[in-house]
Amino acid sequence: MKISSRSRHAVTVMLELALQERETETPVIDLARKYGISQSSMEQLFAKLRHCGLVTGRRGRRGGYKLAESATKISLADIIGAVDSTREQMDQQSGAPAEVVWKKLSDRLYLYLEEMTLAELMESAQLDKTTSIESPIIADGMDPALGIQATESSLPLNHS
């Protein structure tokens, strides 16, 4: 399993929408500017999130997006699955002996992502106001739930 930049951006903007707790939609341009992502890329990201029923949107001058459901019902696996690989793609193996180890690790990571909701991530972000919202999963390089030190190079867990 690989947690791509697209997945990280998706989790970040979904967390932003959850933290805002707005009744009205948040404009895409505002989110794109805040996180330094092109408006076109942000639109593509939201198109995938909308297609999977995670956000609702409104077009027009006052348009934008908001969560389609409560943050308690949206898992990180839902968000990542909407914009990146599916569970079936993650389970593909080449048959090499080391793949067994990587599959077990990927399974544990995926289970963690299925169990972690956007609401839990939101609680964590609100408890630690010094944590940048731009890196909601691994704020200080340590993920206490997994008990591992994580770096940019340790995040990709790819079966391909």
C-alpha atoms as a PDB file:
ATOM      1  CA  MET A   1       0.000   0.000   0.000  1.00  0.00           C
ATOM      2  CA  LYS A   2       1.242   3.440  -0.852  1.00  0.00           C
ATOM      3  CA  ILE A   3      -0.047   6.595   0.763  1.00  0.00           C
ATOM      4  CA  SER A   4       0.353   9.090  -2.044  1.00  0.00           C
ATOM      5  CA  SER A   5       0.436  12.864  -2.023  1.00  0.00           C
ATOM      6  CA  ARG A   6      -3.077  12.768  -3.439  1.00  0.00           C
ATOM      7  CA  SER A   7      -4.234  10.678  -0.456  1.00  0.00           C
ATOM      8  CA  ARG A   8      -2.542  13.018   2.001  1.00  0.00           C
ATOM      9  CA  HIS A   9      -4.169  16.025   0.323  1.00  0.00           C
ATOM     10  CA  ALA A  10      -7.574  14.296   0.408  1.00  0.00           C
ATOM     11  CA  VAL A  11      -7.290  13.495   4.128  1.00  0.00           C
ATOM     12  CA  THR A  12      -6.115  17.051   4.804  1.00  0.00           C
ATOM     13  CA  VAL A  13      -8.990  18.768   2.982  1.00  0.00           C
ATOM     14  CA  MET A  14     -11.555  16.367   4.468  1.00  0.00           C
ATOM     15  CA  LEU A  15     -10.171  17.173   7.908  1.00  0.00           C
ATOM     16  CA  GLU A  16     -10.403  20.872   7.067  1.00  0.00           C
ATOM     17  CA  LEU A  17     -14.072  20.486   6.107  1.00  0.00           C
ATOM     18  CA  ALA A  18     -14.752  18.540   9.319  1.00  0.00           C
ATOM     19  CA  LEU A  19     -13.019  21.136  11.492  1.00  0.00           C
ATOM     20  CA  GLN A  20     -14.942  23.988   9.890  1.00  0.00           C
ATOM     21  CA  GLU A  21     -18.297  22.374  10.743  1.00  0.00           C
ATOM     22  CA  ARG A  22     -19.977  24.704   8.284  1.00  0.00           C
ATOM     23  CA  GLU A  23     -23.548  24.506   7.098  1.00  0.00           C
ATOM     24  CA  THR A  24     -22.487  26.071   3.817  1.00  0.00           C
ATOM     25  CA  GLU A  25     -20.011  24.779   1.285  1.00  0.00           C
ATOM     26  CA  THR A  26     -16.340  25.725   1.362  1.00  0.00           C
ATOM     27  CA  PRO A  27     -15.091  27.084  -1.991  1.00  0.00           C
ATOM     28  CA  VAL A  28     -12.474  24.943  -3.740  1.00  0.00           C
ATOM     29  CA  ILE A  29     -10.356  27.989  -4.514  1.00  0.00           C
ATOM     30  CA  ASP A  30     -10.036  28.748  -0.784  1.00  0.00           C
ATOM     31  CA  LEU A  31      -8.780  25.241  -0.041  1.00  0.00           C
ATOM     32  CA  ALA A  32      -6.473  25.242  -3.072  1.00  0.00           C
ATOM     33  CA  ARG A  33      -4.862  28.504  -1.972  1.00  0.00           C
ATOM     34  CA  LYS A  34      -4.567  27.440   1.658  1.00  0.00           C
ATOM     35  CA  TYR A  35      -2.741  24.220   0.832  1.00  0.00           C
ATOM     36  CA  GLY A  36      -0.820  25.341  -2.250  1.00  0.00           C
ATOM     37  CA  ILE A  37      -2.558  22.969  -4.643  1.00  0.00           C
ATOM     38  CA  SER A  38      -3.758  24.056  -8.068  1.00  0.00           C
ATOM     39  CA  GLN A  39      -7.481  24.645  -8.363  1.00  0.00           C
ATOM     40  CA  SER A  40      -7.630  22.083 -11.169  1.00  0.00           C
ATOM     41  CA  SER A  41      -5.987  19.391  -9.007  1.00  0.00           C
ATOM     42  CA  MET A  42      -8.268  20.244  -6.108  1.00  0.00           C
ATOM     43  CA  GLU A  43     -11.329  19.964  -8.388  1.00  0.00           C
ATOM     44  CA  GLN A  44     -10.169  16.531  -9.556  1.00  0.00           C
ATOM     45  CA  LEU A  45      -9.698  15.438  -5.951  1.00  0.00           C
ATOM     46  CA  PHE A  46     -13.184  16.610  -4.985  1.00  0.00           C
ATOM     47  CA  ALA A  47     -14.712  14.973  -8.061  1.00  0.00           C
ATOM     48  CA  LYS A  48     -13.453  11.609  -6.787  1.00  0.00           C
ATOM     49  CA  LEU A  49     -14.581  12.310  -3.222  1.00  0.00           C
ATOM     50  CA  ARG A  50     -18.007  13.351  -4.513  1.00  0.00           C
ATOM     51  CA  HIS A  51     -18.289  10.288  -6.759  1.00  0.00           C
ATOM     52  CA  CYS A  52     -17.760   8.099  -3.679  1.00  0.00           C
ATOM     53  CA  GLY A  53     -20.375  10.005  -1.683  1.00  0.00           C
ATOM     54  CA  LEU A  54     -17.973  11.541   0.832  1.00  0.00           C
ATOM     55  CA  VAL A  55     -18.741  15.162  -0.024  1.00  0.00           C
ATOM     56  CA  THR A  56     -21.594  17.102  -1.555  1.00  0.00           C
ATOM     57  CA  GLY A  57     -21.046  20.105  -3.742  1.00  0.00           C
ATOM     58  CA  ARG A  58     -22.744  23.095  -5.161  1.00  0.00           C
ATOM     59  CA  ARG A  59     -21.771  24.896  -8.344  1.00  0.00           C
ATOM     60  CA  GLY A  60     -21.719  28.578  -8.952  1.00  0.00           C
ATOM     61  CA  ARG A  61     -20.375  31.725  -7.429  1.00  0.00           C
ATOM     62  CA  ARG A  62     -21.113  30.612  -3.885  1.00  0.00           C
ATOM     63  CA  GLY A  63     -20.416  26.976  -4.575  1.00  0.00           C
ATOM     64  CA  GLY A  64     -18.019  24.602  -2.912  1.00  0.00           C
ATOM     65  CA  TYR A  65     -18.005  21.366  -0.932  1.00  0.00           C
ATOM     66  CA  LYS A  66     -18.955  20.052   2.488  1.00  0.00           C
ATOM     67  CA  LEU A  67     -18.978  16.614   4.106  1.00  0.00           C
ATOM     68  CA  ALA A  68     -21.816  14.392   2.914  1.00  0.00           C
ATOM     69  CA  GLU A  69     -21.954  12.550   6.240  1.00  0.00           C
ATOM     70  CA  SER A  70     -20.896  12.988   9.818  1.00  0.00           C
ATOM     71  CA  ALA A  71     -17.148  12.784  10.415  1.00  0.00           C
ATOM     72  CA  THR A  72     -17.875   9.782  12.680  1.00  0.00           C
ATOM     73  CA  LYS A  73     -19.008   7.778   9.625  1.00  0.00           C
ATOM     74  CA  ILE A  74     -16.047   8.518   7.346  1.00  0.00           C
ATOM     75  CA  SER A  75     -12.896   6.434   7.763  1.00  0.00           C
ATOM     76  CA  LEU A  76      -9.451   7.318   6.484  1.00  0.00           C
ATOM     77  CA  ALA A  77      -9.654   4.173   4.346  1.00  0.00           C
ATOM     78  CA  ASP A  78     -12.824   5.593   2.740  1.00  0.00           C
ATOM     79  CA  ILE A  79     -11.006   8.808   1.855  1.00  0.00           C
ATOM     80  CA  ILE A  80      -7.842   7.137   0.573  1.00  0.00           C
ATOM     81  CA  GLY A  81      -9.841   4.531  -1.338  1.00  0.00           C
ATOM     82  CA  ALA A  82     -11.822   7.290  -3.047  1.00  0.00           C
ATOM     83  CA  VAL A  83      -8.758   8.989  -4.510  1.00  0.00           C
ATOM     84  CA  ASP A  84      -6.224   6.170  -4.825  1.00  0.00           C
ATOM     85  CA  SER A  85      -5.964   2.404  -4.965  1.00  0.00           C
ATOM     86  CA  THR A  86      -8.675   0.020  -3.895  1.00  0.00           C
ATOM     87  CA  ARG A  87      -8.263  -2.811  -1.410  1.00  0.00           C
ATOM     88  CA  GLU A  88      -8.113  -5.336  -4.268  1.00  0.00           C
ATOM     89  CA  GLN A  89      -5.225  -3.467  -5.895  1.00  0.00           C
ATOM     90  CA  MET A  90      -3.369  -3.413  -2.585  1.00  0.00           C
ATOM     91  CA  ASP A  91      -3.773  -7.177  -2.232  1.00  0.00           C
ATOM     92  CA  GLN A  92      -2.119  -8.004  -5.558  1.00  0.00           C
ATOM     93  CA  GLN A  93       1.111  -9.909  -4.990  1.00  0.00           C
ATOM     94  CA  SER A  94       3.963 -10.884  -7.239  1.00  0.00           C
ATOM     95  CA  GLY A  95       4.541 -14.177  -5.422  1.00  0.00           C
ATOM     96  CA  ALA A  96       7.990 -13.207  -4.099  1.00  0.00           C
ATOM     97  CA  PRO A  97       8.700 -14.488  -0.542  1.00  0.00           C
ATOM     98  CA  ALA A  98       9.105 -10.960   0.838  1.00  0.00           C
ATOM     99  CA  GLU A  99       5.612 -10.121  -0.396  1.00  0.00           C
ATOM    100  CA  VAL A 100       4.127 -12.088   2.519  1.00  0.00           C
ATOM    101  CA  VAL A 101       5.762  -9.674   4.953  1.00  0.00           C
ATOM    102  CA  TRP A 102       4.649  -6.629   2.976  1.00  0.00           C
ATOM    103  CA  LYS A 103       1.095  -7.981   2.684  1.00  0.00           C
ATOM    104  CA  LYS A 104       0.866  -8.476   6.465  1.00  0.00           C
ATOM    105  CA  LEU A 105       2.135  -4.970   7.073  1.00  0.00           C
ATOM    106  CA  SER A 106      -0.232  -3.569   4.460  1.00  0.00           C
ATOM    107  CA  ASP A 107      -3.156  -5.463   6.036  1.00  0.00           C
ATOM    108  CA  ARG A 108      -2.391  -3.984   9.453  1.00  0.00           C
ATOM    109  CA  LEU A 109      -2.069  -0.485   8.042  1.00  0.00           C
ATOM    110  CA  TYR A 110      -5.310  -0.836   6.083  1.00  0.00           C
ATOM    111  CA  LEU A 111      -7.121  -2.112   9.204  1.00  0.00           C
ATOM    112  CA  TYR A 112      -5.855   0.923  11.101  1.00  0.00           C
ATOM    113  CA  LEU A 113      -7.101   3.232   8.336  1.00  0.00           C
ATOM    114  CA  GLU A 114     -10.507   1.497   8.330  1.00  0.00           C
ATOM    115  CA  GLU A 115     -10.842   1.950  12.088  1.00  0.00           C
ATOM    116  CA  MET A 116      -9.654   5.575  12.248  1.00  0.00           C
ATOM    117  CA  THR A 117     -12.502   7.975  11.521  1.00  0.00           C
ATOM    118  CA  LEU A 118     -12.320  11.554  10.431  1.00  0.00           C
ATOM    119  CA  ALA A 119     -13.888  12.482  13.792  1.00  0.00           C
ATOM    120  CA  GLU A 120     -11.043  10.784  15.685  1.00  0.00           C
ATOM    121  CA  LEU A 121      -8.501  12.575  13.527  1.00  0.00           C
ATOM    122  CA  MET A 122     -10.375  15.813  14.157  1.00  0.00           C
ATOM    123  CA  GLU A 123     -10.219  15.248  17.936  1.00  0.00           C
ATOM    124  CA  SER A 124      -6.501  14.659  17.693  1.00  0.00           C
ATOM    125  CA  ALA A 125      -6.003  17.852  15.674  1.00  0.00           C
ATOM    126  CA  GLN A 126      -8.070  19.880  18.140  1.00  0.00           C
ATOM    127  CA  LEU A 127      -6.203  18.491  21.162  1.00  0.00           C
ATOM    128  CA  ASP A 128      -2.853  19.479  19.740  1.00  0.00           C
ATOM    129  CA  LYS A 129      -3.350  22.990  18.384  1.00  0.00           C
ATOM    130  CA  THR A 130       0.374  23.243  17.668  1.00  0.00           C
ATOM    131  CA  THR A 131       0.148  20.442  15.113  1.00  0.00           C
ATOM    132  CA  SER A 132      -0.045  21.626  11.544  1.00  0.00           C
ATOM    133  CA  ILE A 133      -3.215  20.497   9.799  1.00  0.00           C
ATOM    134  CA  GLU A 134      -1.068  19.988   6.690  1.00  0.00           C
ATOM    135  CA  SER A 135       0.260  16.760   8.212  1.00  0.00           C
ATOM    136  CA  PRO A 136      -2.653  15.261  10.142  1.00  0.00           C
ATOM    137  CA  ILE A 137      -1.580  11.624  10.189  1.00  0.00           C
ATOM    138  CA  ILE A 138       2.006  11.950  11.293  1.00  0.00           C
ATOM    139  CA  ALA A 139       2.521  15.279  13.021  1.00  0.00           C
ATOM    140  CA  ASP A 140       5.793  14.658  14.822  1.00  0.00           C
ATOM    141  CA  GLY A 141       7.062  11.663  12.870  1.00  0.00           C
ATOM    142  CA  MET A 142       5.629   9.177  15.374  1.00  0.00           C
ATOM    143  CA  ASP A 143       2.317   7.399  15.049  1.00  0.00           C
ATOM    144  CA  PRO A 144       1.449   6.202  18.559  1.00  0.00           C
ATOM    145  CA  ALA A 145      -1.351   3.934  17.338  1.00  0.00           C
ATOM    146  CA  LEU A 146       1.038   2.005  15.118  1.00  0.00           C
ATOM    147  CA  GLY A 147       4.000   2.466  17.449  1.00  0.00           C
ATOM    148  CA  ILE A 148       6.382   3.255  14.625  1.00  0.00           C
ATOM    149  CA  GLN A 149       8.598   6.123  13.648  1.00  0.00           C
ATOM    150  CA  ALA A 150       7.419   7.299  10.240  1.00  0.00           C
ATOM    151  CA  THR A 151       9.333   9.265   7.677  1.00  0.00           C
ATOM    152  CA  GLU A 152       8.453  10.299   4.159  1.00  0.00           C
ATOM    153  CA  SER A 153      10.503   7.378   2.849  1.00  0.00           C
ATOM    154  CA  SER A 154       8.842   4.870   5.171  1.00  0.00           C
ATOM    155  CA  LEU A 155       5.288   5.685   4.085  1.00  0.00           C
ATOM    156  CA  PRO A 156       5.216   3.909   0.702  1.00  0.00           C
ATOM    157  CA  LEU A 157       4.216   0.297   1.117  1.00  0.00           C
ATOM    158  CA  ASN A 158       3.609  -0.713  -2.461  1.00  0.00           C
ATOM    159  CA  HIS A 159       2.754  -4.215  -3.687  1.00  0.00           C
ATOM    160  CA  SER A 160       3.402  -3.471  -7.336  1.00  0.00           C
END
